[in-house]
PDB file of N, CA and C in Angstrom:
ATOM      1  N   UNK A   1       3.003  -5.539  91.222  1.00  0.00           N
ATOM      2  CA  UNK A   1       3.220  -5.497  89.787  1.00  0.00           C
ATOM      3  C   UNK A   1       1.870  -5.658  89.081  1.00  0.00           C
ATOM      4  N   UNK A   2       1.601  -4.785  88.158  1.00  0.00           N
ATOM      5  CA  UNK A   2       0.335  -4.839  87.434  1.00  0.00           C
ATOM      6  C   UNK A   2       0.475  -5.692  86.173  1.00  0.00           C
ATOM      7  N   UNK A   3      -0.544  -6.470  85.903  1.00  0.00           N
ATOM      8  CA  UNK A   3      -0.557  -7.281  84.686  1.00  0.00           C
ATOM      9  C   UNK A   3      -0.830  -6.380  83.488  1.00  0.00           C
ATOM     10  N   UNK A   4      -0.174  -6.691  82.380  1.00  0.00           N
ATOM     11  CA  UNK A   4      -0.443  -5.976  81.137  1.00  0.00           C
ATOM     12  C   UNK A   4      -1.718  -6.538  80.515  1.00  0.00           C
ATOM     13  N   UNK A   5      -2.198  -5.883  79.490  1.00  0.00           N
ATOM     14  CA  UNK A   5      -3.378  -6.384  78.778  1.00  0.00           C
ATOM     15  C   UNK A   5      -3.107  -7.772  78.191  1.00  0.00           C
ATOM     16  N   UNK A   6      -1.894  -7.964  77.656  1.00  0.00           N
ATOM     17  CA  UNK A   6      -1.522  -9.266  77.102  1.00  0.00           C
ATOM     18  C   UNK A   6      -1.545 -10.339  78.180  1.00  0.00           C
ATOM     19  N   UNK A   7      -0.976 -10.040  79.349  1.00  0.00           N
ATOM     20  CA  UNK A   7      -0.954 -11.008  80.441  1.00  0.00           C
ATOM     21  C   UNK A   7      -2.376 -11.362  80.891  1.00  0.00           C
ATOM     22  N   UNK A   8      -3.223 -10.368  80.995  1.00  0.00           N
ATOM     23  CA  UNK A   8      -4.617 -10.604  81.394  1.00  0.00           C
ATOM     24  C   UNK A   8      -5.321 -11.481  80.370  1.00  0.00           C
ATOM     25  N   UNK A   9      -5.085 -11.214  79.102  1.00  0.00           N
ATOM     26  CA  UNK A   9      -5.707 -12.006  78.040  1.00  0.00           C
ATOM     27  C   UNK A   9      -5.197 -13.448  78.063  1.00  0.00           C
ATOM     28  N   UNK A  10      -3.898 -13.623  78.281  1.00  0.00           N
ATOM     29  CA  UNK A  10      -3.339 -14.975  78.374  1.00  0.00           C
ATOM     30  C   UNK A  10      -3.880 -15.712  79.605  1.00  0.00           C
ATOM     31  N   UNK A  11      -4.055 -14.996  80.699  1.00  0.00           N
ATOM     32  CA  UNK A  11      -4.639 -15.613  81.897  1.00  0.00           C
ATOM     33  C   UNK A  11      -6.046 -16.115  81.590  1.00  0.00           C
ATOM     34  N   UNK A  12      -6.804 -15.335  80.842  1.00  0.00           N
ATOM     35  CA  UNK A  12      -8.154 -15.759  80.444  1.00  0.00           C
ATOM     36  C   UNK A  12      -8.085 -17.001  79.566  1.00  0.00           C
ATOM     37  N   UNK A  13      -7.112 -17.041  78.652  1.00  0.00           N
ATOM     38  CA  UNK A  13      -6.941 -18.223  77.817  1.00  0.00           C
ATOM     39  C   UNK A  13      -6.707 -19.470  78.679  1.00  0.00           C
ATOM     40  N   UNK A  14      -5.758 -19.374  79.628  1.00  0.00           N
ATOM     41  CA  UNK A  14      -5.437 -20.543  80.464  1.00  0.00           C
ATOM     42  C   UNK A  14      -6.613 -20.959  81.334  1.00  0.00           C
ATOM     43  N   UNK A  15      -7.380 -20.006  81.825  1.00  0.00           N
ATOM     44  CA  UNK A  15      -8.559 -20.357  82.626  1.00  0.00           C
ATOM     45  C   UNK A  15      -9.616 -21.056  81.760  1.00  0.00           C
ATOM     46  N   UNK A  16      -9.802 -20.572  80.546  1.00  0.00           N
ATOM     47  CA  UNK A  16     -10.762 -21.208  79.648  1.00  0.00           C
ATOM     48  C   UNK A  16     -10.299 -22.621  79.306  1.00  0.00           C
ATOM     49  N   UNK A  17      -9.012 -22.770  79.005  1.00  0.00           N
ATOM     50  CA  UNK A  17      -8.460 -24.090  78.701  1.00  0.00           C
ATOM     51  C   UNK A  17      -8.639 -25.030  79.900  1.00  0.00           C
ATOM     52  N   UNK A  18      -8.348 -24.534  81.084  1.00  0.00           N
ATOM     53  CA  UNK A  18      -8.496 -25.335  82.303  1.00  0.00           C
ATOM     54  C   UNK A  18      -9.944 -25.778  82.484  1.00  0.00           C
ATOM     55  N   UNK A  19     -10.873 -24.880  82.303  1.00  0.00           N
ATOM     56  CA  UNK A  19     -12.293 -25.241  82.487  1.00  0.00           C
ATOM     57  C   UNK A  19     -12.757 -26.256  81.454  1.00  0.00           C
ATOM     58  N   UNK A  20     -12.321 -26.100  80.229  1.00  0.00           N
ATOM     59  CA  UNK A  20     -12.708 -27.068  79.202  1.00  0.00           C
ATOM     60  C   UNK A  20     -12.125 -28.445  79.486  1.00  0.00           C
ATOM     61  N   UNK A  21     -10.854 -28.490  79.852  1.00  0.00           N
ATOM     62  CA  UNK A  21     -10.234 -29.792  80.100  1.00  0.00           C
ATOM     63  C   UNK A  21     -10.742 -30.417  81.399  1.00  0.00           C
ATOM     64  N   UNK A  22     -11.077 -29.612  82.384  1.00  0.00           N
ATOM     65  CA  UNK A  22     -11.721 -30.144  83.589  1.00  0.00           C
ATOM     66  C   UNK A  22     -13.054 -30.788  83.240  1.00  0.00           C
ATOM     67  N   UNK A  23     -13.686 -30.239  82.220  1.00  0.00           N
ATOM     68  CA  UNK A  23     -14.962 -30.772  81.744  1.00  0.00           C
ATOM     69  C   UNK A  23     -14.785 -31.996  80.857  1.00  0.00           C
ATOM     70  N   UNK A  24     -13.575 -32.523  80.810  1.00  0.00           N
ATOM     71  CA  UNK A  24     -13.225 -33.747  80.083  1.00  0.00           C
ATOM     72  C   UNK A  24     -13.200 -33.576  78.566  1.00  0.00           C
ATOM     73  N   UNK A  25     -12.989 -32.345  78.122  1.00  0.00           N
ATOM     74  CA  UNK A  25     -12.784 -32.104  76.699  1.00  0.00           C
ATOM     75  C   UNK A  25     -11.293 -32.276  76.444  1.00  0.00           C
ATOM     76  N   UNK A  26     -10.924 -33.074  75.444  1.00  0.00           N
ATOM     77  CA  UNK A  26      -9.509 -33.338  75.224  1.00  0.00           C
ATOM     78  C   UNK A  26      -8.785 -32.087  74.730  1.00  0.00           C
ATOM     79  N   UNK A  27      -7.478 -32.117  74.864  1.00  0.00           N
ATOM     80  CA  UNK A  27      -6.625 -30.969  74.578  1.00  0.00           C
ATOM     81  C   UNK A  27      -6.856 -30.379  73.193  1.00  0.00           C
ATOM     82  N   UNK A  28      -6.820 -31.215  72.171  1.00  0.00           N
ATOM     83  CA  UNK A  28      -6.961 -30.695  70.809  1.00  0.00           C
ATOM     84  C   UNK A  28      -8.328 -30.060  70.583  1.00  0.00           C
ATOM     85  N   UNK A  29      -9.357 -30.675  71.091  1.00  0.00           N
ATOM     86  CA  UNK A  29     -10.711 -30.117  70.941  1.00  0.00           C
ATOM     87  C   UNK A  29     -10.835 -28.816  71.735  1.00  0.00           C
ATOM     88  N   UNK A  30     -10.266 -28.780  72.938  1.00  0.00           N
ATOM     89  CA  UNK A  30     -10.327 -27.560  73.745  1.00  0.00           C
ATOM     90  C   UNK A  30      -9.647 -26.406  73.008  1.00  0.00           C
ATOM     91  N   UNK A  31      -8.475 -26.662  72.438  1.00  0.00           N
ATOM     92  CA  UNK A  31      -7.789 -25.613  71.681  1.00  0.00           C
ATOM     93  C   UNK A  31      -8.588 -25.193  70.453  1.00  0.00           C
ATOM     94  N   UNK A  32      -9.200 -26.160  69.790  1.00  0.00           N
ATOM     95  CA  UNK A  32     -10.027 -25.855  68.619  1.00  0.00           C
ATOM     96  C   UNK A  32     -11.173 -24.913  69.000  1.00  0.00           C
ATOM     97  N   UNK A  33     -11.821 -25.197  70.113  1.00  0.00           N
ATOM     98  CA  UNK A  33     -12.929 -24.353  70.590  1.00  0.00           C
ATOM     99  C   UNK A  33     -12.423 -22.954  70.910  1.00  0.00           C
ATOM    100  N   UNK A  34     -11.315 -22.888  71.637  1.00  0.00           N
ATOM    101  CA  UNK A  34     -10.770 -21.582  72.024  1.00  0.00           C
ATOM    102  C   UNK A  34     -10.366 -20.780  70.796  1.00  0.00           C
ATOM    103  N   UNK A  35      -9.706 -21.412  69.852  1.00  0.00           N
ATOM    104  CA  UNK A  35      -9.297 -20.710  68.623  1.00  0.00           C
ATOM    105  C   UNK A  35     -10.521 -20.193  67.877  1.00  0.00           C
ATOM    106  N   UNK A  36     -11.579 -20.980  67.825  1.00  0.00           N
ATOM    107  CA  UNK A  36     -12.778 -20.550  67.093  1.00  0.00           C
ATOM    108  C   UNK A  36     -13.442 -19.336  67.746  1.00  0.00           C
ATOM    109  N   UNK A  37     -13.253 -19.165  69.054  1.00  0.00           N
ATOM    110  CA  UNK A  37     -13.876 -18.045  69.773  1.00  0.00           C
ATOM    111  C   UNK A  37     -12.925 -16.864  69.988  1.00  0.00           C
ATOM    112  N   UNK A  38     -11.638 -17.067  69.747  1.00  0.00           N
ATOM    113  CA  UNK A  38     -10.639 -16.046  70.055  1.00  0.00           C
ATOM    114  C   UNK A  38     -10.796 -14.826  69.154  1.00  0.00           C
ATOM    115  N   UNK A  39     -10.734 -13.639  69.757  1.00  0.00           N
ATOM    116  CA  UNK A  39     -10.855 -12.393  69.001  1.00  0.00           C
ATOM    117  C   UNK A  39      -9.510 -11.699  68.790  1.00  0.00           C
ATOM    118  N   UNK A  40      -8.517 -12.044  69.601  1.00  0.00           N
ATOM    119  CA  UNK A  40      -7.182 -11.472  69.432  1.00  0.00           C
ATOM    120  C   UNK A  40      -6.469 -12.238  68.320  1.00  0.00           C
ATOM    121  N   UNK A  41      -6.217 -11.565  67.214  1.00  0.00           N
ATOM    122  CA  UNK A  41      -5.666 -12.238  66.029  1.00  0.00           C
ATOM    123  C   UNK A  41      -4.279 -12.829  66.275  1.00  0.00           C
ATOM    124  N   UNK A  42      -3.444 -12.147  67.044  1.00  0.00           N
ATOM    125  CA  UNK A  42      -2.100 -12.668  67.314  1.00  0.00           C
ATOM    126  C   UNK A  42      -2.168 -13.959  68.127  1.00  0.00           C
ATOM    127  N   UNK A  43      -3.014 -13.978  69.152  1.00  0.00           N
ATOM    128  CA  UNK A  43      -3.152 -15.187  69.964  1.00  0.00           C
ATOM    129  C   UNK A  43      -3.795 -16.300  69.148  1.00  0.00           C
ATOM    130  N   UNK A  44      -4.767 -15.953  68.350  1.00  0.00           N
ATOM    131  CA  UNK A  44      -5.434 -16.950  67.494  1.00  0.00           C
ATOM    132  C   UNK A  44      -4.425 -17.614  66.557  1.00  0.00           C
ATOM    133  N   UNK A  45      -3.578 -16.822  65.929  1.00  0.00           N
ATOM    134  CA  UNK A  45      -2.568 -17.358  65.007  1.00  0.00           C
ATOM    135  C   UNK A  45      -1.554 -18.228  65.756  1.00  0.00           C
ATOM    136  N   UNK A  46      -1.134 -17.771  66.924  1.00  0.00           N
ATOM    137  CA  UNK A  46      -0.173 -18.537  67.723  1.00  0.00           C
ATOM    138  C   UNK A  46      -0.770 -19.865  68.156  1.00  0.00           C
ATOM    139  N   UNK A  47      -2.005 -19.849  68.609  1.00  0.00           N
ATOM    140  CA  UNK A  47      -2.654 -21.098  69.027  1.00  0.00           C
ATOM    141  C   UNK A  47      -2.848 -22.044  67.849  1.00  0.00           C
ATOM    142  N   UNK A  48      -3.048 -21.500  66.662  1.00  0.00           N
ATOM    143  CA  UNK A  48      -3.113 -22.335  65.460  1.00  0.00           C
ATOM    144  C   UNK A  48      -1.794 -23.066  65.233  1.00  0.00           C
ATOM    145  N   UNK A  49      -0.685 -22.365  65.462  1.00  0.00           N
ATOM    146  CA  UNK A  49       0.633 -23.004  65.336  1.00  0.00           C
ATOM    147  C   UNK A  49       0.820 -24.081  66.403  1.00  0.00           C
ATOM    148  N   UNK A  50       0.332 -23.819  67.600  1.00  0.00           N
ATOM    149  CA  UNK A  50       0.405 -24.812  68.679  1.00  0.00           C
ATOM    150  C   UNK A  50      -0.378 -26.060  68.281  1.00  0.00           C
ATOM    151  N   UNK A  51      -1.579 -25.859  67.739  1.00  0.00           N
ATOM    152  CA  UNK A  51      -2.397 -26.990  67.282  1.00  0.00           C
ATOM    153  C   UNK A  51      -1.660 -27.819  66.240  1.00  0.00           C
ATOM    154  N   UNK A  52      -1.046 -27.152  65.281  1.00  0.00           N
ATOM    155  CA  UNK A  52      -0.299 -27.843  64.229  1.00  0.00           C
ATOM    156  C   UNK A  52       0.828 -28.674  64.832  1.00  0.00           C
ATOM    157  N   UNK A  53       1.557 -28.095  65.774  1.00  0.00           N
ATOM    158  CA  UNK A  53       2.638 -28.823  66.440  1.00  0.00           C
ATOM    159  C   UNK A  53       2.114 -30.039  67.192  1.00  0.00           C
ATOM    160  N   UNK A  54       1.021 -29.860  67.924  1.00  0.00           N
ATOM    161  CA  UNK A  54       0.440 -30.976  68.675  1.00  0.00           C
ATOM    162  C   UNK A  54      -0.028 -32.082  67.736  1.00  0.00           C
ATOM    163  N   UNK A  55      -0.635 -31.692  66.629  1.00  0.00           N
ATOM    164  CA  UNK A  55      -1.106 -32.683  65.654  1.00  0.00           C
ATOM    165  C   UNK A  55       0.038 -33.475  65.028  1.00  0.00           C
ATOM    166  N   UNK A  56       1.232 -32.883  65.006  1.00  0.00           N
ATOM    167  CA  UNK A  56       2.381 -33.588  64.427  1.00  0.00           C
ATOM    168  C   UNK A  56       3.143 -34.390  65.479  1.00  0.00           C
ATOM    169  N   UNK A  57       2.629 -34.430  66.721  1.00  0.00           N
ATOM    170  CA  UNK A  57       3.234 -35.273  67.747  1.00  0.00           C
ATOM    171  C   UNK A  57       4.118 -34.566  68.753  1.00  0.00           C
ATOM    172  N   UNK A  58       4.220 -33.265  68.669  1.00  0.00           N
ATOM    173  CA  UNK A  58       5.026 -32.500  69.619  1.00  0.00           C
ATOM    174  C   UNK A  58       4.355 -32.538  70.988  1.00  0.00           C
ATOM    175  N   UNK A  59       5.157 -32.573  72.046  1.00  0.00           N
ATOM    176  CA  UNK A  59       4.578 -32.540  73.391  1.00  0.00           C
ATOM    177  C   UNK A  59       3.907 -31.190  73.630  1.00  0.00           C
ATOM    178  N   UNK A  60       3.028 -31.164  74.604  1.00  0.00           N
ATOM    179  CA  UNK A  60       2.285 -29.949  74.926  1.00  0.00           C
ATOM    180  C   UNK A  60       3.247 -28.806  75.258  1.00  0.00           C
ATOM    181  N   UNK A  61       4.184 -29.053  76.170  1.00  0.00           N
ATOM    182  CA  UNK A  61       5.092 -27.971  76.569  1.00  0.00           C
ATOM    183  C   UNK A  61       5.979 -27.531  75.401  1.00  0.00           C
ATOM    184  N   UNK A  62       6.442 -28.467  74.588  1.00  0.00           N
ATOM    185  CA  UNK A  62       7.277 -28.085  73.443  1.00  0.00           C
ATOM    186  C   UNK A  62       6.500 -27.304  72.392  1.00  0.00           C
ATOM    187  N   UNK A  63       5.224 -27.617  72.224  1.00  0.00           N
ATOM    188  CA  UNK A  63       4.401 -26.858  71.275  1.00  0.00           C
ATOM    189  C   UNK A  63       4.308 -25.391  71.704  1.00  0.00           C
ATOM    190  N   UNK A  64       4.204 -25.152  73.007  1.00  0.00           N
ATOM    191  CA  UNK A  64       4.161 -23.777  73.512  1.00  0.00           C
ATOM    192  C   UNK A  64       5.566 -23.163  73.547  1.00  0.00           C
ATOM    193  N   UNK A  65       6.584 -23.985  73.790  1.00  0.00           N
ATOM    194  CA  UNK A  65       7.975 -23.509  73.794  1.00  0.00           C
ATOM    195  C   UNK A  65       8.342 -22.931  72.420  1.00  0.00           C
ATOM    196  N   UNK A  66       7.757 -23.447  71.369  1.00  0.00           N
ATOM    197  CA  UNK A  66       8.034 -22.983  70.004  1.00  0.00           C
ATOM    198  C   UNK A  66       7.408 -21.617  69.710  1.00  0.00           C
ATOM    199  N   UNK A  67       6.683 -21.055  70.691  1.00  0.00           N
ATOM    200  CA  UNK A  67       6.018 -19.759  70.501  1.00  0.00           C
ATOM    201  C   UNK A  67       6.464 -18.767  71.580  1.00  0.00           C
ATOM    202  N   UNK A  68       7.789 -18.478  71.648  1.00  0.00           N
ATOM    203  CA  UNK A  68       8.296 -17.638  72.749  1.00  0.00           C
ATOM    204  C   UNK A  68       7.802 -16.190  72.712  1.00  0.00           C
ATOM    205  N   UNK A  69       7.311 -15.742  71.569  1.00  0.00           N
ATOM    206  CA  UNK A  69       6.799 -14.369  71.502  1.00  0.00           C
ATOM    207  C   UNK A  69       5.494 -14.222  72.295  1.00  0.00           C
ATOM    208  N   UNK A  70       4.838 -15.339  72.576  1.00  0.00           N
ATOM    209  CA  UNK A  70       3.563 -15.290  73.288  1.00  0.00           C
ATOM    210  C   UNK A  70       3.636 -15.955  74.661  1.00  0.00           C
ATOM    211  N   UNK A  71       4.456 -17.009  74.796  1.00  0.00           N
ATOM    212  CA  UNK A  71       4.484 -17.783  76.037  1.00  0.00           C
ATOM    213  C   UNK A  71       5.887 -17.763  76.636  1.00  0.00           C
ATOM    214  N   UNK A  72       5.995 -17.248  77.853  1.00  0.00           N
ATOM    215  CA  UNK A  72       7.285 -17.088  78.513  1.00  0.00           C
ATOM    216  C   UNK A  72       7.880 -18.431  78.925  1.00  0.00           C
ATOM    217  N   UNK A  73       9.170 -18.412  79.195  1.00  0.00           N
ATOM    218  CA  UNK A  73       9.868 -19.605  79.656  1.00  0.00           C
ATOM    219  C   UNK A  73       9.275 -20.108  80.970  1.00  0.00           C
ATOM    220  N   UNK A  74       8.879 -19.203  81.854  1.00  0.00           N
ATOM    221  CA  UNK A  74       8.248 -19.617  83.120  1.00  0.00           C
ATOM    222  C   UNK A  74       7.002 -20.450  82.856  1.00  0.00           C
ATOM    223  N   UNK A  75       6.169 -19.997  81.952  1.00  0.00           N
ATOM    224  CA  UNK A  75       4.935 -20.720  81.619  1.00  0.00           C
ATOM    225  C   UNK A  75       5.273 -22.075  81.010  1.00  0.00           C
ATOM    226  N   UNK A  76       6.213 -22.092  80.081  1.00  0.00           N
ATOM    227  CA  UNK A  76       6.588 -23.344  79.410  1.00  0.00           C
ATOM    228  C   UNK A  76       7.146 -24.353  80.413  1.00  0.00           C
ATOM    229  N   UNK A  77       7.969 -23.900  81.329  1.00  0.00           N
ATOM    230  CA  UNK A  77       8.537 -24.808  82.334  1.00  0.00           C
ATOM    231  C   UNK A  77       7.445 -25.347  83.255  1.00  0.00           C
ATOM    232  N   UNK A  78       6.465 -24.538  83.590  1.00  0.00           N
ATOM    233  CA  UNK A  78       5.343 -25.027  84.392  1.00  0.00           C
ATOM    234  C   UNK A  78       4.537 -26.060  83.617  1.00  0.00           C
ATOM    235  N   UNK A  79       4.367 -25.850  82.317  1.00  0.00           N
ATOM    236  CA  UNK A  79       3.663 -26.842  81.496  1.00  0.00           C
ATOM    237  C   UNK A  79       4.431 -28.164  81.479  1.00  0.00           C
ATOM    238  N   UNK A  80       5.758 -28.085  81.372  1.00  0.00           N
ATOM    239  CA  UNK A  80       6.577 -29.299  81.402  1.00  0.00           C
ATOM    240  C   UNK A  80       6.435 -30.001  82.751  1.00  0.00           C
ATOM    241  N   UNK A  81       6.378 -29.235  83.832  1.00  0.00           N
ATOM    242  CA  UNK A  81       6.184 -29.825  85.157  1.00  0.00           C
ATOM    243  C   UNK A  81       4.822 -30.514  85.246  1.00  0.00           C
ATOM    244  N   UNK A  82       3.809 -29.922  84.642  1.00  0.00           N
ATOM    245  CA  UNK A  82       2.473 -30.547  84.635  1.00  0.00           C
ATOM    246  C   UNK A  82       2.493 -31.857  83.862  1.00  0.00           C
ATOM    247  N   UNK A  83       3.214 -31.871  82.741  1.00  0.00           N
ATOM    248  CA  UNK A  83       3.344 -33.113  81.969  1.00  0.00           C
ATOM    249  C   UNK A  83       3.988 -34.214  82.803  1.00  0.00           C
ATOM    250  N   UNK A  84       4.995 -33.845  83.568  1.00  0.00           N
ATOM    251  CA  UNK A  84       5.738 -34.827  84.362  1.00  0.00           C
ATOM    252  C   UNK A  84       5.000 -35.271  85.615  1.00  0.00           C
ATOM    253  N   UNK A  85       4.238 -34.361  86.211  1.00  0.00           N
ATOM    254  CA  UNK A  85       3.599 -34.669  87.492  1.00  0.00           C
ATOM    255  C   UNK A  85       2.131 -35.055  87.372  1.00  0.00           C
ATOM    256  N   UNK A  86       1.483 -34.619  86.292  1.00  0.00           N
ATOM    257  CA  UNK A  86       0.051 -34.850  86.146  1.00  0.00           C
ATOM    258  C   UNK A  86      -0.798 -33.858  86.927  1.00  0.00           C
ATOM    259  N   UNK A  87      -0.186 -32.853  87.521  1.00  0.00           N
ATOM    260  CA  UNK A  87      -0.905 -31.873  88.345  1.00  0.00           C
ATOM    261  C   UNK A  87      -1.425 -30.713  87.493  1.00  0.00           C
ATOM    262  N   UNK A  88      -2.121 -31.038  86.425  1.00  0.00           N
ATOM    263  CA  UNK A  88      -2.582 -30.034  85.461  1.00  0.00           C
ATOM    264  C   UNK A  88      -3.446 -28.952  86.086  1.00  0.00           C
ATOM    265  N   UNK A  89      -4.458 -29.336  86.852  1.00  0.00           N
ATOM    266  CA  UNK A  89      -5.373 -28.339  87.407  1.00  0.00           C
ATOM    267  C   UNK A  89      -4.629 -27.298  88.238  1.00  0.00           C
ATOM    268  N   UNK A  90      -3.781 -27.755  89.136  1.00  0.00           N
ATOM    269  CA  UNK A  90      -3.051 -26.828  90.003  1.00  0.00           C
ATOM    270  C   UNK A  90      -2.095 -25.950  89.217  1.00  0.00           C
ATOM    271  N   UNK A  91      -1.379 -26.550  88.299  1.00  0.00           N
ATOM    272  CA  UNK A  91      -0.366 -25.796  87.561  1.00  0.00           C
ATOM    273  C   UNK A  91      -1.000 -24.815  86.587  1.00  0.00           C
ATOM    274  N   UNK A  92      -2.061 -25.206  85.895  1.00  0.00           N
ATOM    275  CA  UNK A  92      -2.734 -24.260  84.993  1.00  0.00           C
ATOM    276  C   UNK A  92      -3.312 -23.085  85.780  1.00  0.00           C
ATOM    277  N   UNK A  93      -3.814 -23.353  86.973  1.00  0.00           N
ATOM    278  CA  UNK A  93      -4.315 -22.271  87.833  1.00  0.00           C
ATOM    279  C   UNK A  93      -3.166 -21.350  88.243  1.00  0.00           C
ATOM    280  N   UNK A  94      -2.006 -21.927  88.566  1.00  0.00           N
ATOM    281  CA  UNK A  94      -0.831 -21.126  88.920  1.00  0.00           C
ATOM    282  C   UNK A  94      -0.401 -20.234  87.753  1.00  0.00           C
ATOM    283  N   UNK A  95      -0.439 -20.783  86.551  1.00  0.00           N
ATOM    284  CA  UNK A  95      -0.079 -19.989  85.362  1.00  0.00           C
ATOM    285  C   UNK A  95      -1.028 -18.804  85.226  1.00  0.00           C
ATOM    286  N   UNK A  96      -2.326 -19.065  85.289  1.00  0.00           N
ATOM    287  CA  UNK A  96      -3.318 -17.991  85.151  1.00  0.00           C
ATOM    288  C   UNK A  96      -3.143 -16.946  86.249  1.00  0.00           C
ATOM    289  N   UNK A  97      -2.960 -17.404  87.483  1.00  0.00           N
ATOM    290  CA  UNK A  97      -2.779 -16.463  88.592  1.00  0.00           C
ATOM    291  C   UNK A  97      -1.493 -15.653  88.419  1.00  0.00           C
ATOM    292  N   UNK A  98      -0.415 -16.312  88.000  1.00  0.00           N
ATOM    293  CA  UNK A  98       0.852 -15.616  87.785  1.00  0.00           C
ATOM    294  C   UNK A  98       0.748 -14.556  86.705  1.00  0.00           C
ATOM    295  N   UNK A  99       0.022 -14.849  85.654  1.00  0.00           N
ATOM    296  CA  UNK A  99      -0.180 -13.855  84.594  1.00  0.00           C
ATOM    297  C   UNK A  99      -1.026 -12.690  85.101  1.00  0.00           C
ATOM    298  N   UNK A 100      -2.093 -12.996  85.834  1.00  0.00           N
ATOM    299  CA  UNK A 100      -2.939 -11.928  86.391  1.00  0.00           C
ATOM    300  C   UNK A 100      -2.169 -11.015  87.336  1.00  0.00           C
ATOM    301  N   UNK A 101      -1.258 -11.608  88.113  1.00  0.00           N
ATOM    302  CA  UNK A 101      -0.470 -10.843  89.074  1.00  0.00           C
ATOM    303  C   UNK A 101       0.692 -10.086  88.422  1.00  0.00           C
ATOM    304  N   UNK A 102       0.979 -10.407  87.161  1.00  0.00           N
ATOM    305  CA  UNK A 102       2.107  -9.780  86.493  1.00  0.00           C
ATOM    306  C   UNK A 102       3.425 -10.462  86.791  1.00  0.00           C
ATOM    307  N   UNK A 103       3.373 -11.663  87.407  1.00  0.00           N
ATOM    308  CA  UNK A 103       4.578 -12.405  87.732  1.00  0.00           C
ATOM    309  C   UNK A 103       5.241 -12.958  86.494  1.00  0.00           C
ATOM    310  N   UNK A 104       4.434 -13.458  85.546  1.00  0.00           N
ATOM    311  CA  UNK A 104       4.950 -14.054  84.315  1.00  0.00           C
ATOM    312  C   UNK A 104       4.737 -13.099  83.156  1.00  0.00           C
ATOM    313  N   UNK A 105       5.730 -13.045  82.282  1.00  0.00           N
ATOM    314  CA  UNK A 105       5.630 -12.185  81.093  1.00  0.00           C
ATOM    315  C   UNK A 105       4.727 -12.829  80.072  1.00  0.00           C
TER     316      UNK A 105
END
């Protein structure tokens, strides 16, 4: 299965987020950096909504769950699993790989 352009772009987003957070940049700051550099207007707007949700106290997975036009249920469920297990590095890598492979919409 071939990844679409959207899937490839989302995989790049997750890899960038993973690298920033591995570098000990907190979630909100990492998203702020990514939004400031993002060139895809639809993703930029969606990530802005995610930031707003996070700032109001919404959990990470629920903030992405509120954006189903951009983030699939598979991705959201993996984010919820990361919240519960703490296995962020592995799960974010799985999300990026799944998007690259065309496994996740």
